């Protein structure tokens, strides 16, 4: 008999997860551990890193605030299995013993591991995202008790299909340009990275990045080869801090551009971003992504013969524009400031890439150089110069999405949410209409300050006093800049005051215009 709820689905089940060291995977593991009565056993794929054993990495994860509310008895059900989705070895590099355990016992598979770098080489993205996902599916096909598998994809996998403002349905779209995912997969496993680039380079240049392209191929391959495995594909949009679970504002890394932007604005080191203020920025809290993943597994178990695709997005249900997002982040960063900041938090969205890069260089890179050389506020291995370089590089890849807009249908997702009981909808919220964006963005800033920057709440009052002083300095900065520039031109460069004053005024006005 099919389970009547998510809780009933997970009771005494045996779960296999990938990607638990990532943002989404970690939050998913925390939610699964919190379920009552919960799975009998949870196996997680963890690779050995810098000589550290997988189980040791898992135990270190459990010491983070994310798992602070989970009883030790629950955590003892979780066991690490050494392997890697990017491994060229059979069965993800799992030992024969671990493979047999999964084949004999596993009932649910959650695959969230992925290589999310937009700057990745095609070979690397295909090897991890396509080959790795195929290996997970083939392992699931051998599982004797498999009841559901969920693959975490992206809402932007079809971004090159159709036109701007096209509405994408919750279905798998055919691969463009008659490219067979298996051919690409075989090319990666038999050719050198240079040969792969030569063979498929022109095709890649039609896509914004290798991540979206590899995920697009992966969906098609999984749909074709799923066999008897009940499969759901979840497509989140831009994933931000948690809304409620495990607590407000949780974030443990800023690998995504949106999370990194919040972290940088809070420190006063990012003051611009390329985006259209009136465009909808489709974002979703990580805990709503987790809720959708669990509900998607339930859906796959209820209707195992069908392939299910669910959008985990907010744009059509509760739209948030880039302008409102930036304003909300700035307001919260000033009301809940970090203690150690480089400058008064401010930001301006610019549609022009040239103006954005000019502002980045003048107002972000040059100050970063002075801070690094003279104030020494940053550690050498994480200097502000390196941060600014990564931010500028990342902006080139994300700008494709920040100056365009897509519509994502939520028909299947909304219907699935309606099938849950009221109690389960409260426990696993999926509906972005519940979000108050201003309050949510405030929680994101506070959470980033607390959990990523690791600044305790007791430093807030001192930080606010510092912020008040910075506000005065920032207000006077145009006057100070004008006076200083006049002095430099007249005294140091020997230019007559009659020329220096209007020239300085022109430069200051140009900087303000930028």
Protein backbone atom coordinates (compact mmCIF):
# COMPACT_ATOMS: atom_id res chain seq x y z
CA UNK A 1 0.00 0.00 0.00
CA UNK A 2 1.45 3.44 -0.94
CA UNK A 3 2.47 5.67 1.99
CA UNK A 4 -0.09 8.24 3.05
CA UNK A 5 2.46 10.86 4.07
CA UNK A 6 6.13 11.79 3.94
CA UNK A 7 6.58 10.59 7.52
CA UNK A 8 5.02 7.24 6.69
CA UNK A 9 7.20 6.97 3.58
CA UNK A 10 10.42 7.40 5.54
CA UNK A 11 9.47 5.21 8.51
CA UNK A 12 11.95 2.32 8.81
CA UNK A 13 13.28 3.04 5.32
CA UNK A 14 16.89 2.79 4.18
CA UNK A 15 18.18 5.95 2.52
CA UNK A 16 21.20 6.68 0.32
CA UNK A 17 22.27 10.30 -0.21
CA UNK A 18 24.93 12.00 -2.30
CA UNK A 19 26.12 15.59 -1.93
CA UNK A 20 25.69 15.79 1.86
CA UNK A 21 28.77 17.99 2.24
CA UNK A 22 27.06 20.60 0.07
CA UNK A 23 24.50 23.21 1.08
CA UNK A 24 21.35 21.43 -0.12
CA UNK A 25 22.56 17.93 0.72
CA UNK A 26 23.51 18.91 4.26
CA UNK A 27 20.10 20.49 4.91
CA UNK A 28 18.38 17.44 3.40
CA UNK A 29 20.33 15.11 5.69
CA UNK A 30 19.41 17.25 8.71
CA UNK A 31 15.70 17.13 7.82
CA UNK A 32 15.77 13.37 7.26
CA UNK A 33 17.48 12.85 10.62
CA UNK A 34 14.77 14.95 12.26
CA UNK A 35 11.85 12.93 10.86
CA UNK A 36 9.78 10.78 13.21
CA UNK A 37 10.08 7.86 13.34
CA UNK A 38 12.56 8.34 10.51
CA UNK A 39 14.68 5.93 8.47
CA UNK A 40 16.20 2.87 10.08
CA UNK A 41 19.48 3.56 8.30
CA UNK A 42 20.98 6.44 6.32
CA UNK A 43 23.99 5.89 4.07
CA UNK A 44 25.81 8.92 2.68
CA UNK A 45 28.40 9.03 -0.09
CA UNK A 46 31.45 10.99 1.07
CA UNK A 47 34.82 11.16 -0.66
CA UNK A 48 38.16 11.10 1.09
CA UNK A 49 39.54 14.65 1.10
CA UNK A 50 43.11 15.65 1.91
CA UNK A 51 43.63 12.31 3.60
CA UNK A 52 40.63 12.72 5.94
CA UNK A 53 38.46 9.61 6.25
CA UNK A 54 34.82 9.93 5.08
CA UNK A 55 33.44 9.03 8.52
CA UNK A 56 35.66 11.69 10.12
CA UNK A 57 34.36 14.29 7.65
CA UNK A 58 30.82 13.25 8.50
CA UNK A 59 31.44 13.55 12.24
CA UNK A 60 32.91 17.01 11.72
CA UNK A 61 29.72 17.96 9.87
CA UNK A 62 27.68 16.82 12.85
CA UNK A 63 29.55 19.28 15.07
CA UNK A 64 28.25 22.25 13.06
CA UNK A 65 25.22 24.31 14.21
CA UNK A 66 23.15 22.65 11.45
CA UNK A 67 22.91 19.41 13.43
CA UNK A 68 22.79 20.92 16.92
CA UNK A 69 19.13 19.98 17.37
CA UNK A 70 19.47 16.33 16.30
CA UNK A 71 19.71 13.71 19.09
CA UNK A 72 22.83 11.56 19.10
CA UNK A 73 20.68 8.45 18.71
CA UNK A 74 19.48 9.79 15.34
CA UNK A 75 22.96 10.67 14.14
CA UNK A 76 24.16 7.17 14.96
CA UNK A 77 21.91 5.86 12.19
CA UNK A 78 23.98 7.75 9.61
CA UNK A 79 26.98 5.98 8.11
CA UNK A 80 29.49 7.32 5.59
CA UNK A 81 30.42 5.26 2.55
CA UNK A 82 33.61 6.18 0.77
CA UNK A 83 33.04 7.07 -2.87
CA UNK A 84 32.92 9.92 -5.36
CA UNK A 85 30.39 10.84 -8.06
CA UNK A 86 33.32 12.11 -10.11
CA UNK A 87 35.15 8.80 -9.89
CA UNK A 88 35.91 6.89 -13.05
CA UNK A 89 35.67 3.66 -11.07
CA UNK A 90 32.58 1.40 -11.22
CA UNK A 91 29.76 2.00 -8.72
CA UNK A 92 30.99 5.48 -7.73
CA UNK A 93 34.15 3.98 -6.27
CA UNK A 94 32.18 2.24 -3.51
CA UNK A 95 33.62 -0.93 -2.02
CA UNK A 96 31.93 -4.23 -3.04
CA UNK A 97 30.70 -4.60 0.54
CA UNK A 98 29.03 -1.18 0.54
CA UNK A 99 27.50 -1.80 -2.88
CA UNK A 100 25.96 -5.03 -1.64
CA UNK A 101 24.53 -3.29 1.43
CA UNK A 102 22.80 -0.75 -0.80
CA UNK A 103 21.61 -3.34 -3.31
CA UNK A 104 20.06 -5.46 -0.56
CA UNK A 105 18.58 -2.75 1.67
CA UNK A 106 18.23 0.70 0.11
CA UNK A 107 14.69 1.99 -0.52
CA UNK A 108 15.21 5.68 -1.35
CA UNK A 109 17.98 7.51 -3.22
CA UNK A 110 18.50 11.29 -3.07
CA UNK A 111 21.09 12.55 -5.54
CA UNK A 112 22.07 16.18 -4.97
CA UNK A 113 25.82 15.95 -5.64
CA UNK A 114 26.93 18.13 -8.56
CA UNK A 115 29.77 20.25 -9.82
CA UNK A 116 28.16 23.69 -9.75
CA UNK A 117 31.00 25.86 -11.03
CA UNK A 118 29.88 27.93 -14.02
CA UNK A 119 33.52 28.17 -15.10
CA UNK A 120 34.13 24.41 -15.20
CA UNK A 121 35.66 22.76 -18.23
CA UNK A 122 33.20 20.65 -20.21
CA UNK A 123 35.04 17.42 -19.39
CA UNK A 124 34.82 18.10 -15.65
CA UNK A 125 31.15 19.08 -15.70
CA UNK A 126 30.18 16.05 -17.81
CA UNK A 127 32.22 13.62 -15.73
CA UNK A 128 30.62 14.66 -12.44
CA UNK A 129 27.13 15.81 -13.44
CA UNK A 130 26.35 13.41 -16.29
CA UNK A 131 28.53 10.36 -15.67
CA UNK A 132 28.07 10.57 -11.91
CA UNK A 133 24.28 10.82 -12.14
CA UNK A 134 24.17 7.90 -14.55
CA UNK A 135 26.23 5.81 -12.11
CA UNK A 136 23.82 6.66 -9.27
CA UNK A 137 20.84 5.67 -11.44
CA UNK A 138 22.42 2.38 -12.52
CA UNK A 139 23.12 1.58 -8.88
CA UNK A 140 19.49 2.37 -8.03
CA UNK A 141 18.32 0.03 -10.80
CA UNK A 142 20.12 -2.83 -9.05
CA UNK A 143 18.55 -2.11 -5.66
CA UNK A 144 16.10 -4.86 -4.77
CA UNK A 145 13.85 -2.67 -2.60
CA UNK A 146 14.05 0.65 -4.45
CA UNK A 147 10.88 2.71 -3.98
CA UNK A 148 11.95 6.17 -5.14
CA UNK A 149 14.86 8.19 -6.48
CA UNK A 150 15.11 11.98 -6.58
CA UNK A 151 17.57 13.82 -8.81
CA UNK A 152 18.25 17.48 -7.99
CA UNK A 153 18.60 19.45 -11.21
CA UNK A 154 18.21 23.18 -11.96
CA UNK A 155 15.35 25.36 -13.17
CA UNK A 156 17.75 26.83 -15.75
CA UNK A 157 18.64 23.62 -17.60
CA UNK A 158 16.46 24.69 -20.54
CA UNK A 159 17.44 28.38 -20.54
CA UNK A 160 18.51 28.38 -24.20
CA UNK A 161 15.24 26.87 -25.41
CA UNK A 162 12.48 29.18 -26.60
CA UNK A 163 12.56 32.94 -26.12
CA UNK A 164 12.88 35.29 -23.19
CA UNK A 165 9.78 35.17 -20.93
CA UNK A 166 8.95 31.68 -22.24
CA UNK A 167 7.15 29.56 -19.66
CA UNK A 168 8.82 26.24 -19.03
CA UNK A 169 6.65 23.28 -18.15
CA UNK A 170 7.45 20.58 -15.62
CA UNK A 171 8.68 18.04 -18.14
CA UNK A 172 11.97 16.93 -19.66
CA UNK A 173 12.75 18.87 -22.83
CA UNK A 174 14.58 17.09 -25.68
CA UNK A 175 18.26 17.83 -26.11
CA UNK A 176 18.93 20.62 -28.58
CA UNK A 177 20.88 20.24 -31.80
CA UNK A 178 20.34 16.46 -31.97
CA UNK A 179 23.10 15.76 -29.47
CA UNK A 180 22.98 12.35 -27.81
CA UNK A 181 23.97 12.48 -24.10
CA UNK A 182 25.55 9.03 -24.42
CA UNK A 183 27.80 10.28 -27.23
CA UNK A 184 28.97 13.17 -25.05
CA UNK A 185 29.49 10.80 -22.13
CA UNK A 186 31.52 8.40 -24.27
CA UNK A 187 33.59 11.27 -25.62
CA UNK A 188 34.52 12.37 -22.11
CA UNK A 189 35.56 8.86 -21.12
CA UNK A 190 37.61 8.19 -24.27
CA UNK A 191 38.96 11.58 -25.37
CA UNK A 192 41.32 14.07 -23.79
CA UNK A 193 39.82 17.32 -22.41
CA UNK A 194 41.27 19.16 -25.41
CA UNK A 195 39.63 16.75 -27.85
CA UNK A 196 36.29 17.06 -26.05
CA UNK A 197 36.52 20.84 -26.24
CA UNK A 198 37.30 20.66 -29.95
CA UNK A 199 34.39 18.29 -30.62
CA UNK A 200 31.73 20.10 -28.58
CA UNK A 201 33.19 23.57 -28.04
CA UNK A 202 30.91 25.28 -30.56
CA UNK A 203 27.85 23.67 -28.97
CA UNK A 204 28.92 24.81 -25.50
CA UNK A 205 29.30 28.39 -26.66
CA UNK A 206 25.56 28.43 -27.38
CA UNK A 207 24.93 27.86 -23.67
CA UNK A 208 25.68 30.20 -20.76
CA UNK A 209 27.91 27.66 -19.02
CA UNK A 210 28.87 23.99 -18.88
CA UNK A 211 26.83 23.46 -15.70
CA UNK A 212 23.46 24.18 -17.34
CA UNK A 213 24.43 22.19 -20.44
CA UNK A 214 25.55 19.13 -18.46
CA UNK A 215 22.40 19.21 -16.33
CA UNK A 216 20.25 19.42 -19.47
CA UNK A 217 21.94 16.32 -20.85
CA UNK A 218 21.61 14.55 -17.49
CA UNK A 219 17.84 14.96 -17.33
CA UNK A 220 17.46 13.42 -20.77
CA UNK A 221 19.75 10.51 -19.97
CA UNK A 222 17.99 9.72 -16.68
CA UNK A 223 14.58 9.87 -18.36
CA UNK A 224 15.76 7.46 -21.04
CA UNK A 225 17.53 4.96 -18.77
CA UNK A 226 15.48 5.00 -15.56
CA UNK A 227 13.97 1.60 -16.28
CA UNK A 228 11.80 0.45 -13.37
CA UNK A 229 13.14 3.08 -10.94
CA UNK A 230 10.41 5.48 -9.70
CA UNK A 231 12.09 8.81 -10.49
CA UNK A 232 11.42 12.46 -9.70
CA UNK A 233 13.47 15.42 -10.90
CA UNK A 234 13.46 18.58 -8.77
CA UNK A 235 14.44 21.87 -10.41
CA UNK A 236 15.27 24.63 -7.90
CA UNK A 237 16.00 28.16 -9.05
CA UNK A 238 18.56 30.30 -7.15
CA UNK A 239 18.93 28.78 -3.68
CA UNK A 240 19.35 31.12 -0.72
CA UNK A 241 19.49 30.88 3.08
CA UNK A 242 16.86 28.94 4.97
CA UNK A 243 13.48 30.48 5.73
CA UNK A 244 12.61 28.52 8.90
CA UNK A 245 14.39 25.16 9.02
CA UNK A 246 16.63 24.27 10.73
CA UNK A 247 16.54 27.92 11.84
CA UNK A 248 16.16 31.34 10.25
CA UNK A 249 18.91 32.34 7.83
CA UNK A 250 21.07 29.21 7.90
CA UNK A 251 23.91 29.17 5.36
CA UNK A 252 27.29 27.47 5.61
CA UNK A 253 28.89 28.47 2.32
CA UNK A 254 28.53 31.18 -0.29
CA UNK A 255 29.35 29.17 -3.40
CA UNK A 256 26.24 30.44 -5.15
CA UNK A 257 26.45 33.97 -6.53
CA UNK A 258 23.40 35.22 -4.62
CA UNK A 259 24.70 34.01 -1.24
CA UNK A 260 28.16 35.40 -2.01
CA UNK A 261 26.63 38.75 -2.90
CA UNK A 262 24.91 38.94 0.50
CA UNK A 263 28.15 38.08 2.29
CA UNK A 264 30.12 40.70 0.35
CA UNK A 265 27.55 43.49 0.71
CA UNK A 266 27.38 42.84 4.47
CA UNK A 267 31.14 43.44 4.66
CA UNK A 268 30.97 46.54 2.46
CA UNK A 269 33.24 45.07 -0.22
CA UNK A 270 30.68 44.69 -3.05
CA UNK A 271 28.94 47.82 -4.29
CA UNK A 272 27.64 46.85 -7.72
CA UNK A 273 26.13 43.99 -9.66
CA UNK A 274 25.05 43.58 -13.26
CA UNK A 275 21.29 43.10 -13.32
CA UNK A 276 18.06 44.74 -14.46
CA UNK A 277 16.28 46.10 -11.40
CA UNK A 278 12.82 45.45 -12.84
CA UNK A 279 13.57 41.82 -13.74
CA UNK A 280 12.26 39.00 -11.57
CA UNK A 281 15.01 37.27 -9.61
CA UNK A 282 13.75 33.75 -9.06
CA UNK A 283 15.03 32.63 -5.65
CA UNK A 284 13.95 29.93 -3.22
CA UNK A 285 14.97 29.18 0.39
CA UNK A 286 16.98 25.99 0.89
CA UNK A 287 14.42 24.54 3.31
CA UNK A 288 11.70 24.79 0.66
CA UNK A 289 14.02 22.93 -1.71
CA UNK A 290 14.42 20.19 0.90
CA UNK A 291 10.65 20.01 1.39
CA UNK A 292 10.13 19.66 -2.36
CA UNK A 293 12.76 16.90 -2.58
CA UNK A 294 11.03 14.85 0.12
CA UNK A 295 7.60 15.45 -1.42
CA UNK A 296 9.01 14.46 -4.82
CA UNK A 297 10.14 11.12 -3.40
CA UNK A 298 6.65 10.59 -1.99
CA UNK A 299 5.17 11.45 -5.41
CA UNK A 300 7.47 8.95 -7.14
CA UNK A 301 6.40 6.24 -4.73
CA UNK A 302 2.71 7.04 -5.21
CA UNK A 303 2.97 6.94 -9.01
CA UNK A 304 6.06 4.84 -9.81
CA UNK A 305 5.27 4.34 -13.49
CA UNK A 306 5.55 8.05 -14.35
CA UNK A 307 8.56 10.37 -14.50
CA UNK A 308 7.86 13.41 -12.32
CA UNK A 309 9.41 16.86 -12.78
CA UNK A 310 8.82 19.55 -10.18
CA UNK A 311 9.85 23.20 -10.31
CA UNK A 312 10.96 24.61 -6.98
CA UNK A 313 10.70 28.29 -7.92
CA UNK A 314 9.06 31.53 -6.79
CA UNK A 315 8.88 33.79 -9.85
CA UNK A 316 5.35 33.00 -10.99
CA UNK A 317 3.92 32.58 -7.48
CA UNK A 318 5.57 35.37 -5.47
CA UNK A 319 7.88 37.42 -7.71
CA UNK A 320 10.91 39.22 -6.28
CA UNK A 321 12.70 41.73 -8.50
CA UNK A 322 16.44 42.28 -8.50
CA UNK A 323 15.83 45.84 -7.34
CA UNK A 324 13.80 44.79 -4.32
CA UNK A 325 16.35 42.09 -3.53
CA UNK A 326 19.25 44.57 -3.56
CA UNK A 327 17.32 47.15 -1.51
CA UNK A 328 16.32 44.52 1.05
CA UNK A 329 19.89 43.28 1.45
CA UNK A 330 21.29 46.81 1.87
CA UNK A 331 18.65 47.82 4.41
CA UNK A 332 19.25 44.70 6.49
CA UNK A 333 23.05 45.01 6.22
CA UNK A 334 22.83 48.51 7.69
CA UNK A 335 20.39 47.55 10.45
CA UNK A 336 22.29 44.37 11.40
CA UNK A 337 25.87 45.30 10.49
CA UNK A 338 28.96 43.15 10.67
CA UNK A 339 31.61 44.36 13.08
CA UNK A 340 34.57 44.32 10.69
CA UNK A 341 33.53 46.05 7.47
CA UNK A 342 35.56 47.69 4.72
CA UNK A 343 33.01 50.41 3.94
CA UNK A 344 29.43 51.54 4.45
CA UNK A 345 27.16 48.96 2.75
CA UNK A 346 25.70 50.20 -0.52
CA UNK A 347 25.00 48.77 -3.94
CA UNK A 348 23.74 49.78 -7.35
CA UNK A 349 22.46 47.49 -10.08
CA UNK A 350 23.73 48.25 -13.57
CA UNK A 351 22.57 46.70 -16.82
CA UNK A 352 25.74 47.64 -18.69
CA UNK A 353 28.61 45.18 -18.31
CA UNK A 354 31.16 47.91 -19.09
CA UNK A 355 29.89 50.26 -16.38
CA UNK A 356 29.71 47.38 -13.93
CA UNK A 357 33.34 46.43 -14.55
CA UNK A 358 34.49 50.06 -14.31
CA UNK A 359 32.77 50.48 -10.95
CA UNK A 360 34.17 47.16 -9.73
CA UNK A 361 37.68 48.29 -10.60
CA UNK A 362 37.43 51.82 -9.19
CA UNK A 363 35.31 51.27 -6.10
CA UNK A 364 36.10 47.63 -5.24
CA UNK A 365 39.47 46.55 -6.64
CA UNK A 366 41.47 49.73 -5.95
CA UNK A 367 40.26 49.99 -2.31
CA UNK A 368 40.96 46.26 -1.92
CA UNK A 369 44.56 46.83 -3.01
CA UNK A 370 45.05 49.64 -0.48
CA UNK A 371 43.41 47.66 2.31
CA UNK A 372 45.55 44.65 1.52
CA UNK A 373 48.81 46.61 1.34
CA UNK A 374 48.36 49.02 4.22
CA UNK A 375 45.59 48.02 6.62
CA UNK A 376 46.25 44.26 6.34
CA UNK A 377 42.66 43.45 7.29
CA UNK A 378 42.57 40.31 5.16
CA UNK A 379 44.52 37.11 5.55
CA UNK A 380 46.97 36.50 2.67
CA UNK A 381 45.27 33.28 1.61
CA UNK A 382 41.88 35.01 1.43
CA UNK A 383 42.88 38.55 0.45
CA UNK A 384 40.33 41.11 -0.64
CA UNK A 385 42.12 41.24 -3.98
CA UNK A 386 41.44 37.54 -4.58
CA UNK A 387 37.84 37.95 -3.44
CA UNK A 388 37.31 40.84 -5.87
CA UNK A 389 38.85 38.86 -8.72
CA UNK A 390 36.56 35.91 -8.04
CA UNK A 391 33.56 38.23 -7.75
CA UNK A 392 34.35 39.89 -11.09
CA UNK A 393 34.90 36.51 -12.75
CA UNK A 394 31.68 35.11 -11.29
CA UNK A 395 29.74 38.15 -12.43
CA UNK A 396 30.64 37.43 -16.04
CA UNK A 397 29.02 33.99 -15.77
CA UNK A 398 25.94 34.99 -13.76
CA UNK A 399 25.12 38.09 -15.82
CA UNK A 400 23.46 35.89 -18.46
CA UNK A 401 20.76 35.10 -15.87
CA UNK A 402 20.54 38.48 -14.12
CA UNK A 403 19.58 40.43 -17.25
CA UNK A 404 17.05 37.87 -18.48
CA UNK A 405 13.79 36.50 -17.17
CA UNK A 406 12.09 33.11 -17.40
CA UNK A 407 8.73 31.78 -16.28
CA UNK A 408 8.53 28.40 -14.58
CA UNK A 409 5.22 26.58 -14.28
CA UNK A 410 4.48 25.26 -10.78
CA UNK A 411 1.37 23.26 -11.67
CA UNK A 412 2.71 19.86 -10.57
CA UNK A 413 4.46 21.27 -7.50
CA UNK A 414 1.35 23.10 -6.32
CA UNK A 415 -0.83 20.05 -6.88
CA UNK A 416 1.60 17.94 -4.88
CA UNK A 417 1.64 20.44 -2.01
CA UNK A 418 -2.16 20.34 -1.94
CA UNK A 419 -2.03 16.56 -1.50
CA UNK A 420 -0.13 16.89 1.78
CA UNK A 421 -2.00 17.12 5.05
CA UNK A 422 -2.09 20.50 6.77
CA UNK A 423 0.34 19.20 9.38
CA UNK A 424 2.80 18.05 6.73
CA UNK A 425 2.48 21.29 4.76
CA UNK A 426 3.51 23.12 7.91
CA UNK A 427 6.36 20.69 8.58
CA UNK A 428 7.55 20.64 4.95
CA UNK A 429 6.53 24.02 3.44
CA UNK A 430 6.82 24.20 -0.36
CA UNK A 431 4.75 27.28 -1.23
CA UNK A 432 6.77 30.47 -1.90
CA UNK A 433 3.59 32.51 -1.44
CA UNK A 434 4.21 32.13 2.29
CA UNK A 435 7.34 34.29 2.04
CA UNK A 436 7.45 37.91 3.17
CA UNK A 437 10.46 38.93 1.08
CA UNK A 438 11.58 41.87 3.23
CA UNK A 439 11.49 39.80 6.39
CA UNK A 440 13.10 36.84 4.64
CA UNK A 441 15.99 38.92 3.23
CA UNK A 442 16.57 40.39 6.68
CA UNK A 443 16.86 36.83 7.99
CA UNK A 444 19.34 36.02 5.20
CA UNK A 445 21.61 38.90 6.23
CA UNK A 446 21.42 38.03 9.94
CA UNK A 447 22.06 34.37 9.16
CA UNK A 448 25.03 35.18 6.92
CA UNK A 449 26.45 37.41 9.66
CA UNK A 450 25.99 34.70 12.30
CA UNK A 451 26.75 31.43 10.52
CA UNK A 452 29.08 32.38 7.66
CA UNK A 453 30.95 35.42 9.00
CA UNK A 454 30.69 33.91 12.50
CA UNK A 455 30.00 37.19 14.26
CA UNK A 456 28.03 36.64 17.48
CA UNK A 457 24.94 38.70 18.29
CA UNK A 458 26.72 40.37 21.23
CA UNK A 459 28.86 42.37 18.77
CA UNK A 460 25.83 43.96 17.07
CA UNK A 461 25.62 47.09 19.27
CA UNK A 462 29.30 47.88 18.77
CA UNK A 463 28.92 47.27 15.03
CA UNK A 464 25.97 49.68 14.89
CA UNK A 465 28.05 52.45 16.50
CA UNK A 466 30.75 51.83 13.93
CA UNK A 467 28.16 51.86 11.15
CA UNK A 468 26.87 55.25 12.32
CA UNK A 469 30.38 56.70 11.97
CA UNK A 470 30.81 55.12 8.54
CA UNK A 471 27.49 56.60 7.42
CA UNK A 472 28.82 60.10 8.15
CA UNK A 473 32.09 59.41 6.34
CA UNK A 474 30.21 57.95 3.35
CA UNK A 475 27.99 61.04 3.17
CA UNK A 476 31.03 63.32 3.19
CA UNK A 477 33.07 61.20 0.80
CA UNK A 478 32.15 63.16 -2.39
CA UNK A 479 33.25 66.42 -0.73
CA UNK A 480 36.39 64.83 0.67
CA UNK A 481 37.17 63.25 -2.69
CA UNK A 482 36.70 66.58 -4.46
CA UNK A 483 38.93 68.42 -1.98
CA UNK A 484 41.61 65.75 -2.05
CA UNK A 485 41.61 65.58 -5.85
CA UNK A 486 41.90 69.36 -6.13
CA UNK A 487 44.87 69.29 -3.78
CA UNK A 488 46.56 66.48 -5.71
CA UNK A 489 46.09 68.22 -9.06
CA UNK A 490 47.19 71.64 -7.82
CA UNK A 491 49.94 70.86 -5.35
CA UNK A 492 51.41 67.55 -6.49
CA UNK A 493 50.94 67.88 -10.24
CA UNK A 494 51.41 71.65 -10.46
CA UNK A 495 48.08 72.34 -12.19
CA UNK A 496 46.65 75.83 -11.63
CA UNK A 497 43.68 75.99 -9.25
CA UNK A 498 41.51 77.51 -11.97
CA UNK A 499 41.94 74.30 -13.96
CA UNK A 500 42.24 71.88 -11.04
CA UNK A 501 38.87 72.74 -9.50
CA UNK A 502 36.66 72.15 -12.59
CA UNK A 503 38.75 69.12 -13.55
CA UNK A 504 38.28 67.61 -10.09
CA UNK A 505 34.56 68.41 -10.25
CA UNK A 506 34.31 66.63 -13.60
CA UNK A 507 36.08 63.53 -12.25
CA UNK A 508 33.87 63.39 -9.15
CA UNK A 509 30.70 63.82 -11.25
CA UNK A 510 31.90 61.06 -13.58
CA UNK A 511 32.43 58.73 -10.63
CA UNK A 512 28.97 59.57 -9.28
CA UNK A 513 27.45 58.87 -12.71
CA UNK A 514 29.14 55.48 -12.83
